Amino acid sequence: MANEEKRSAELTWISSGDLAPPFMSQRKKLTEEEVSQLTLEEYEQLNKTYSILLKSLSLTESDSLQVATLEGDEFVFQITAEGWKVLEGGDPGIRKRTWEMVEDLLRSVSPQFKEGWDVMLLEKLNSISQSQVQDNSDQGDQEEIISEVQKK
């Protein structure tokens, strides 16, 4: 019977168009300290890694991030137990969404941020690939040396 009730709730949710299904457990609400800490950590990481992809970034007194994109759009983001939300800026529909990562939110609202993020990702992947090629080459050199030593 429990499966039938869950299935009924799923079908009701699907037809309602709500963002979160009612049968999903709610995450515990973040404390003010947790919000402050998480926001500060994201602010520092964004400044360190993506400052060239943003026009401006600041930390507000209310533990939110105030962001201006390279396109000139301004937003205020806040972390919740569900993820990142847009408090101000953009169209009203965007304020109903939640993003797990602030980078995903920024990629959604700023085409230039998305393009820059994609380029940075490709550069990192190329660097890893080059590193692995070098490691394999070094390993081959070591195997060659060992083989030469064993012949003697």
N, C-alpha and C. Protein backbone atom coordinates (compact mmCIF):
# COMPACT_ATOMS: atom_id res chain seq x y z
N MET A 1 0.81 -1.20 0.00
CA MET A 1 0.00 0.00 0.00
C MET A 1 0.86 1.26 0.00
N ALA A 2 1.99 1.22 0.67
CA ALA A 2 2.86 2.39 0.74
C ALA A 2 3.38 2.77 -0.64
N ASN A 3 3.68 1.75 -1.48
CA ASN A 3 4.15 2.02 -2.83
C ASN A 3 3.07 2.70 -3.66
N GLU A 4 1.81 2.27 -3.48
CA GLU A 4 0.70 2.89 -4.22
C GLU A 4 0.53 4.35 -3.81
N GLU A 5 0.67 4.64 -2.50
CA GLU A 5 0.55 6.01 -2.02
C GLU A 5 1.68 6.87 -2.57
N LYS A 6 2.89 6.33 -2.58
CA LYS A 6 4.04 7.07 -3.11
C LYS A 6 3.84 7.34 -4.59
N ARG A 7 3.40 6.33 -5.34
CA ARG A 7 3.16 6.50 -6.77
C ARG A 7 2.09 7.55 -7.02
N SER A 8 1.06 7.55 -6.21
CA SER A 8 -0.01 8.55 -6.34
C SER A 8 0.54 9.95 -6.08
N ALA A 9 1.38 10.07 -5.05
CA ALA A 9 1.99 11.36 -4.73
C ALA A 9 2.90 11.81 -5.87
N GLU A 10 3.64 10.86 -6.48
CA GLU A 10 4.50 11.20 -7.60
C GLU A 10 3.70 11.72 -8.78
N LEU A 11 2.60 11.04 -9.11
CA LEU A 11 1.77 11.47 -10.24
C LEU A 11 1.13 12.82 -9.98
N THR A 12 0.71 13.06 -8.74
CA THR A 12 0.13 14.35 -8.38
C THR A 12 1.18 15.44 -8.53
N TRP A 13 2.40 15.16 -8.05
CA TRP A 13 3.48 16.14 -8.15
C TRP A 13 3.81 16.43 -9.60
N ILE A 14 3.92 15.39 -10.43
CA ILE A 14 4.27 15.57 -11.84
C ILE A 14 3.24 16.46 -12.53
N SER A 15 1.98 16.23 -12.27
CA SER A 15 0.94 17.02 -12.93
C SER A 15 0.82 18.43 -12.37
N SER A 16 1.32 18.65 -11.12
CA SER A 16 1.20 19.97 -10.51
C SER A 16 2.25 20.95 -11.03
N GLY A 17 3.39 20.44 -11.51
CA GLY A 17 4.46 21.31 -12.00
C GLY A 17 5.30 21.92 -10.89
N ASP A 18 5.13 21.48 -9.64
CA ASP A 18 5.95 21.99 -8.54
C ASP A 18 7.40 21.62 -8.76
N LEU A 19 8.30 22.42 -8.20
CA LEU A 19 9.73 22.19 -8.38
C LEU A 19 10.25 21.02 -7.56
N ALA A 20 9.76 20.84 -6.35
CA ALA A 20 10.26 19.76 -5.49
C ALA A 20 9.12 18.82 -5.14
N PRO A 21 9.31 17.52 -5.32
CA PRO A 21 8.26 16.58 -4.99
C PRO A 21 7.98 16.56 -3.49
N PRO A 22 6.73 16.39 -3.10
CA PRO A 22 6.37 16.44 -1.68
C PRO A 22 6.93 15.28 -0.87
N PHE A 23 7.24 14.17 -1.51
CA PHE A 23 7.71 13.00 -0.79
C PHE A 23 9.22 13.04 -0.55
N MET A 24 9.91 14.03 -1.10
CA MET A 24 11.34 14.15 -0.84
C MET A 24 11.54 14.77 0.53
N SER A 25 12.46 14.20 1.28
CA SER A 25 12.69 14.76 2.60
C SER A 25 13.35 16.13 2.48
N GLN A 26 12.94 17.04 3.32
CA GLN A 26 13.50 18.38 3.33
C GLN A 26 14.83 18.36 4.06
N ARG A 27 15.80 19.11 3.55
CA ARG A 27 17.08 19.23 4.24
C ARG A 27 16.90 20.14 5.43
N LYS A 28 17.74 19.92 6.43
CA LYS A 28 17.63 20.78 7.61
C LYS A 28 18.04 22.20 7.24
N LYS A 29 17.40 23.15 7.87
CA LYS A 29 17.70 24.55 7.60
C LYS A 29 19.11 24.87 8.09
N LEU A 30 19.82 25.70 7.32
CA LEU A 30 21.17 26.10 7.70
C LEU A 30 21.11 27.13 8.83
N THR A 31 22.06 27.04 9.73
CA THR A 31 22.16 28.05 10.77
C THR A 31 22.77 29.32 10.17
N GLU A 32 22.64 30.43 10.85
CA GLU A 32 23.24 31.68 10.38
C GLU A 32 24.75 31.52 10.22
N GLU A 33 25.37 30.81 11.16
CA GLU A 33 26.81 30.58 11.09
C GLU A 33 27.19 29.77 9.86
N GLU A 34 26.40 28.74 9.54
CA GLU A 34 26.67 27.91 8.37
C GLU A 34 26.51 28.73 7.08
N VAL A 35 25.45 29.54 7.02
CA VAL A 35 25.23 30.39 5.86
C VAL A 35 26.41 31.34 5.69
N SER A 36 26.82 31.96 6.78
CA SER A 36 27.93 32.91 6.74
C SER A 36 29.21 32.24 6.28
N GLN A 37 29.52 31.07 6.83
CA GLN A 37 30.74 30.34 6.48
C GLN A 37 30.73 29.89 5.03
N LEU A 38 29.62 29.28 4.58
CA LEU A 38 29.53 28.80 3.20
C LEU A 38 29.62 29.95 2.20
N THR A 39 28.95 31.06 2.51
CA THR A 39 28.98 32.21 1.61
C THR A 39 30.39 32.78 1.53
N LEU A 40 31.06 32.90 2.65
CA LEU A 40 32.43 33.41 2.67
C LEU A 40 33.36 32.50 1.85
N GLU A 41 33.24 31.19 2.03
CA GLU A 41 34.07 30.25 1.29
C GLU A 41 33.84 30.37 -0.22
N GLU A 42 32.58 30.47 -0.63
CA GLU A 42 32.28 30.62 -2.06
C GLU A 42 32.78 31.95 -2.59
N TYR A 43 32.62 33.01 -1.81
CA TYR A 43 33.10 34.33 -2.20
C TYR A 43 34.61 34.29 -2.45
N GLU A 44 35.35 33.70 -1.52
CA GLU A 44 36.80 33.60 -1.66
C GLU A 44 37.20 32.76 -2.87
N GLN A 45 36.50 31.65 -3.08
CA GLN A 45 36.80 30.78 -4.21
C GLN A 45 36.48 31.47 -5.54
N LEU A 46 35.35 32.16 -5.61
CA LEU A 46 35.00 32.89 -6.84
C LEU A 46 36.02 33.98 -7.13
N ASN A 47 36.42 34.71 -6.10
CA ASN A 47 37.42 35.77 -6.28
C ASN A 47 38.74 35.21 -6.76
N LYS A 48 39.13 34.09 -6.20
CA LYS A 48 40.42 33.47 -6.52
C LYS A 48 40.41 32.87 -7.93
N THR A 49 39.32 32.21 -8.30
CA THR A 49 39.30 31.43 -9.52
C THR A 49 38.63 32.11 -10.71
N TYR A 50 37.58 32.88 -10.45
CA TYR A 50 36.76 33.37 -11.56
C TYR A 50 36.63 34.89 -11.62
N SER A 51 37.48 35.63 -10.94
CA SER A 51 37.32 37.09 -10.91
C SER A 51 37.37 37.71 -12.30
N ILE A 52 38.13 37.12 -13.22
CA ILE A 52 38.20 37.68 -14.57
C ILE A 52 36.91 37.44 -15.36
N LEU A 53 36.06 36.54 -14.87
CA LEU A 53 34.81 36.23 -15.57
C LEU A 53 33.62 37.02 -15.01
N LEU A 54 33.90 37.91 -14.05
CA LEU A 54 32.85 38.73 -13.44
C LEU A 54 33.24 40.19 -13.48
N LYS A 55 32.26 41.04 -13.65
CA LYS A 55 32.52 42.48 -13.61
C LYS A 55 32.81 42.92 -12.18
N SER A 56 31.99 42.43 -11.24
CA SER A 56 32.24 42.70 -9.82
C SER A 56 31.61 41.62 -8.96
N LEU A 57 32.16 41.47 -7.77
CA LEU A 57 31.69 40.49 -6.80
C LEU A 57 31.91 41.06 -5.42
N SER A 58 30.86 41.04 -4.60
CA SER A 58 31.03 41.50 -3.22
C SER A 58 30.18 40.66 -2.28
N LEU A 59 30.62 40.65 -1.05
CA LEU A 59 29.93 39.94 0.02
C LEU A 59 29.09 40.96 0.77
N THR A 60 27.80 40.70 0.92
CA THR A 60 26.93 41.66 1.59
C THR A 60 26.89 41.40 3.09
N GLU A 61 26.38 42.37 3.83
CA GLU A 61 26.25 42.20 5.28
C GLU A 61 25.24 41.13 5.64
N SER A 62 24.33 40.84 4.71
CA SER A 62 23.31 39.82 4.97
C SER A 62 23.75 38.44 4.48
N ASP A 63 25.06 38.25 4.33
CA ASP A 63 25.63 36.96 3.91
C ASP A 63 25.08 36.49 2.57
N SER A 64 25.04 37.39 1.63
CA SER A 64 24.68 37.09 0.25
C SER A 64 25.84 37.52 -0.64
N LEU A 65 25.80 37.07 -1.88
CA LEU A 65 26.80 37.51 -2.85
C LEU A 65 26.13 38.47 -3.82
N GLN A 66 26.74 39.63 -3.99
CA GLN A 66 26.26 40.59 -4.97
C GLN A 66 27.20 40.48 -6.18
N VAL A 67 26.62 40.18 -7.34
CA VAL A 67 27.40 39.87 -8.52
C VAL A 67 26.96 40.74 -9.69
N ALA A 68 27.93 41.27 -10.41
CA ALA A 68 27.66 41.92 -11.70
C ALA A 68 28.39 41.09 -12.75
N THR A 69 27.65 40.63 -13.75
CA THR A 69 28.23 39.81 -14.81
C THR A 69 28.94 40.69 -15.83
N LEU A 70 29.72 40.08 -16.68
CA LEU A 70 30.39 40.82 -17.75
C LEU A 70 29.39 41.45 -18.71
N GLU A 71 28.18 40.89 -18.77
CA GLU A 71 27.13 41.46 -19.61
C GLU A 71 26.52 42.71 -18.97
N GLY A 72 26.85 42.96 -17.69
CA GLY A 72 26.32 44.13 -16.99
C GLY A 72 25.08 43.84 -16.16
N ASP A 73 24.65 42.61 -16.10
CA ASP A 73 23.49 42.24 -15.28
C ASP A 73 23.91 42.11 -13.82
N GLU A 74 23.03 42.54 -12.92
CA GLU A 74 23.34 42.48 -11.50
C GLU A 74 22.40 41.51 -10.79
N PHE A 75 22.98 40.75 -9.85
CA PHE A 75 22.24 39.72 -9.12
C PHE A 75 22.66 39.73 -7.66
N VAL A 76 21.77 39.19 -6.83
CA VAL A 76 22.12 38.87 -5.45
C VAL A 76 21.77 37.40 -5.26
N PHE A 77 22.77 36.61 -4.84
CA PHE A 77 22.62 35.18 -4.62
C PHE A 77 22.70 34.89 -3.13
N GLN A 78 21.95 33.85 -2.71
CA GLN A 78 22.05 33.43 -1.31
C GLN A 78 22.02 31.91 -1.24
N ILE A 79 22.79 31.38 -0.30
CA ILE A 79 22.83 29.93 -0.08
C ILE A 79 21.71 29.54 0.87
N THR A 80 21.08 28.40 0.57
CA THR A 80 20.07 27.81 1.44
C THR A 80 20.42 26.34 1.61
N ALA A 81 19.65 25.63 2.40
CA ALA A 81 19.89 24.20 2.57
C ALA A 81 19.72 23.45 1.24
N GLU A 82 18.88 23.97 0.36
CA GLU A 82 18.64 23.33 -0.93
C GLU A 82 19.71 23.68 -1.96
N GLY A 83 20.38 24.82 -1.78
CA GLY A 83 21.39 25.26 -2.74
C GLY A 83 21.35 26.76 -2.91
N TRP A 84 21.89 27.23 -4.04
CA TRP A 84 21.98 28.66 -4.32
C TRP A 84 20.71 29.16 -4.99
N LYS A 85 20.25 30.33 -4.54
CA LYS A 85 19.06 30.95 -5.10
C LYS A 85 19.37 32.39 -5.50
N VAL A 86 18.62 32.88 -6.49
CA VAL A 86 18.71 34.27 -6.91
C VAL A 86 17.67 35.04 -6.11
N LEU A 87 18.13 36.03 -5.32
CA LEU A 87 17.20 36.87 -4.56
C LEU A 87 16.78 38.09 -5.36
N GLU A 88 17.74 38.64 -6.12
CA GLU A 88 17.48 39.84 -6.91
C GLU A 88 18.14 39.69 -8.26
N GLY A 89 17.49 40.27 -9.28
CA GLY A 89 18.05 40.26 -10.63
C GLY A 89 17.44 39.19 -11.49
N GLY A 90 17.64 39.35 -12.78
CA GLY A 90 17.12 38.36 -13.72
C GLY A 90 15.60 38.40 -13.81
N ASP A 91 15.07 37.49 -14.58
CA ASP A 91 13.61 37.44 -14.70
C ASP A 91 13.01 36.70 -13.50
N PRO A 92 11.75 36.94 -13.20
CA PRO A 92 11.13 36.31 -12.02
C PRO A 92 11.21 34.78 -12.01
N GLY A 93 11.18 34.17 -13.17
CA GLY A 93 11.23 32.71 -13.23
C GLY A 93 12.52 32.12 -12.69
N ILE A 94 13.60 32.86 -12.82
CA ILE A 94 14.90 32.36 -12.35
C ILE A 94 14.95 32.30 -10.83
N ARG A 95 14.14 33.10 -10.17
CA ARG A 95 14.14 33.11 -8.69
C ARG A 95 13.45 31.89 -8.11
N LYS A 96 12.78 31.11 -8.93
CA LYS A 96 12.12 29.89 -8.46
C LYS A 96 13.06 28.69 -8.47
N ARG A 97 14.18 28.83 -9.17
CA ARG A 97 15.13 27.72 -9.31
C ARG A 97 16.14 27.70 -8.18
N THR A 98 16.78 26.55 -8.03
CA THR A 98 17.86 26.36 -7.06
C THR A 98 19.00 25.64 -7.77
N TRP A 99 20.22 26.08 -7.49
CA TRP A 99 21.41 25.47 -8.08
C TRP A 99 22.26 24.89 -6.97
N GLU A 100 22.81 23.71 -7.21
CA GLU A 100 23.66 23.07 -6.22
C GLU A 100 24.99 23.80 -6.07
N MET A 101 25.52 24.30 -7.19
CA MET A 101 26.80 25.00 -7.16
C MET A 101 26.63 26.41 -7.70
N VAL A 102 27.32 27.36 -7.09
CA VAL A 102 27.21 28.75 -7.52
C VAL A 102 27.74 28.91 -8.95
N GLU A 103 28.72 28.09 -9.35
CA GLU A 103 29.22 28.14 -10.72
C GLU A 103 28.11 27.78 -11.72
N ASP A 104 27.28 26.81 -11.37
CA ASP A 104 26.17 26.44 -12.25
C ASP A 104 25.18 27.59 -12.39
N LEU A 105 24.91 28.26 -11.28
CA LEU A 105 24.03 29.42 -11.31
C LEU A 105 24.61 30.49 -12.23
N LEU A 106 25.88 30.80 -12.05
CA LEU A 106 26.53 31.82 -12.88
C LEU A 106 26.55 31.41 -14.35
N ARG A 107 26.75 30.15 -14.63
CA ARG A 107 26.72 29.68 -16.02
C ARG A 107 25.33 29.83 -16.62
N SER A 108 24.30 29.76 -15.79
CA SER A 108 22.92 29.90 -16.26
C SER A 108 22.55 31.34 -16.56
N VAL A 109 23.13 32.28 -15.83
CA VAL A 109 22.72 33.68 -15.99
C VAL A 109 23.68 34.51 -16.84
N SER A 110 24.88 33.98 -17.11
CA SER A 110 25.88 34.75 -17.84
C SER A 110 26.54 33.93 -18.95
N PRO A 111 26.18 34.18 -20.20
CA PRO A 111 26.82 33.45 -21.30
C PRO A 111 28.34 33.64 -21.32
N GLN A 112 28.82 34.81 -20.96
CA GLN A 112 30.27 35.04 -20.96
C GLN A 112 30.95 34.27 -19.84
N PHE A 113 30.29 34.16 -18.68
CA PHE A 113 30.85 33.34 -17.60
C PHE A 113 30.91 31.88 -18.06
N LYS A 114 29.83 31.41 -18.68
CA LYS A 114 29.79 30.02 -19.17
C LYS A 114 30.91 29.77 -20.17
N GLU A 115 31.09 30.66 -21.10
CA GLU A 115 32.15 30.51 -22.11
C GLU A 115 33.53 30.48 -21.45
N GLY A 116 33.77 31.40 -20.52
CA GLY A 116 35.06 31.44 -19.82
C GLY A 116 35.27 30.20 -18.96
N TRP A 117 34.21 29.74 -18.30
CA TRP A 117 34.28 28.56 -17.46
C TRP A 117 34.63 27.34 -18.32
N ASP A 118 33.98 27.23 -19.49
CA ASP A 118 34.26 26.12 -20.39
C ASP A 118 35.73 26.13 -20.84
N VAL A 119 36.24 27.32 -21.18
CA VAL A 119 37.65 27.45 -21.60
C VAL A 119 38.58 27.03 -20.46
N MET A 120 38.28 27.48 -19.24
CA MET A 120 39.13 27.12 -18.09
C MET A 120 39.11 25.61 -17.85
N LEU A 121 37.95 25.00 -18.01
CA LEU A 121 37.84 23.56 -17.83
C LEU A 121 38.67 22.82 -18.87
N LEU A 122 38.57 23.25 -20.12
CA LEU A 122 39.38 22.61 -21.17
C LEU A 122 40.87 22.77 -20.91
N GLU A 123 41.28 23.94 -20.43
CA GLU A 123 42.69 24.15 -20.11
C GLU A 123 43.15 23.20 -19.01
N LYS A 124 42.30 23.02 -17.99
CA LYS A 124 42.65 22.10 -16.90
C LYS A 124 42.74 20.67 -17.41
N LEU A 125 41.79 20.26 -18.25
CA LEU A 125 41.80 18.91 -18.80
C LEU A 125 43.03 18.69 -19.68
N ASN A 126 43.38 19.68 -20.49
CA ASN A 126 44.59 19.57 -21.31
C ASN A 126 45.84 19.46 -20.45
N SER A 127 45.88 20.22 -19.37
CA SER A 127 47.02 20.17 -18.46
C SER A 127 47.15 18.78 -17.83
N ILE A 128 46.03 18.21 -17.43
CA ILE A 128 46.03 16.86 -16.84
C ILE A 128 46.48 15.85 -17.89
N SER A 129 45.96 16.00 -19.10
CA SER A 129 46.33 15.10 -20.19
C SER A 129 47.83 15.17 -20.47
N GLN A 130 48.37 16.39 -20.54
CA GLN A 130 49.80 16.57 -20.79
C GLN A 130 50.62 15.96 -19.65
N SER A 131 50.14 16.12 -18.43
CA SER A 131 50.82 15.57 -17.27
C SER A 131 50.86 14.04 -17.35
N GLN A 132 49.74 13.45 -17.76
CA GLN A 132 49.69 11.99 -17.88
C GLN A 132 50.59 11.50 -19.00
N VAL A 133 50.64 12.22 -20.10
CA VAL A 133 51.53 11.86 -21.20
C VAL A 133 52.97 11.90 -20.72
N GLN A 134 53.33 12.96 -19.97
CA GLN A 134 54.68 13.09 -19.44
C GLN A 134 54.99 11.96 -18.46
N ASP A 135 54.01 11.64 -17.57
CA ASP A 135 54.21 10.55 -16.61
C ASP A 135 54.43 9.23 -17.33
N ASN A 136 53.65 8.97 -18.39
CA ASN A 136 53.80 7.73 -19.15
C ASN A 136 55.16 7.70 -19.84
N SER A 137 55.60 8.84 -20.33
CA SER A 137 56.90 8.93 -20.98
C SER A 137 58.01 8.66 -19.97
N ASP A 138 57.87 9.28 -18.78
CA ASP A 138 58.85 9.05 -17.71
C ASP A 138 58.88 7.59 -17.30
N GLN A 139 57.70 6.96 -17.22
CA GLN A 139 57.62 5.56 -16.84
C GLN A 139 58.30 4.69 -17.90
N GLY A 140 58.09 5.04 -19.17
CA GLY A 140 58.74 4.32 -20.26
C GLY A 140 60.25 4.44 -20.18
N ASP A 141 60.72 5.67 -19.87
CA ASP A 141 62.16 5.90 -19.71
C ASP A 141 62.71 5.05 -18.57
N GLN A 142 61.97 4.97 -17.46
CA GLN A 142 62.42 4.19 -16.31
C GLN A 142 62.48 2.70 -16.67
N GLU A 143 61.47 2.23 -17.39
CA GLU A 143 61.45 0.83 -17.78
C GLU A 143 62.62 0.52 -18.72
N GLU A 144 62.94 1.46 -19.59
CA GLU A 144 64.07 1.30 -20.51
C GLU A 144 65.38 1.22 -19.74
N ILE A 145 65.56 2.07 -18.75
CA ILE A 145 66.76 2.08 -17.92
C ILE A 145 66.88 0.78 -17.17
N ILE A 146 65.78 0.32 -16.58
CA ILE A 146 65.78 -0.95 -15.82
C ILE A 146 66.16 -2.09 -16.74
N SER A 147 65.58 -2.09 -17.94
CA SER A 147 65.89 -3.14 -18.92
C SER A 147 67.37 -3.15 -19.28
N GLU A 148 67.94 -1.97 -19.48
CA GLU A 148 69.37 -1.85 -19.81
C GLU A 148 70.24 -2.33 -18.66
N VAL A 149 69.85 -1.99 -17.42
CA VAL A 149 70.61 -2.41 -16.24
C VAL A 149 70.55 -3.92 -16.09
N GLN A 150 69.37 -4.50 -16.34
CA GLN A 150 69.22 -5.94 -16.18
C GLN A 150 70.02 -6.72 -17.23
N LYS A 151 70.23 -6.12 -18.41
CA LYS A 151 71.03 -6.77 -19.46
C LYS A 151 72.48 -6.88 -19.05
N LYS A 152 72.95 -5.93 -18.26
CA LYS A 152 74.36 -5.90 -17.85
C LYS A 152 74.60 -6.78 -16.72
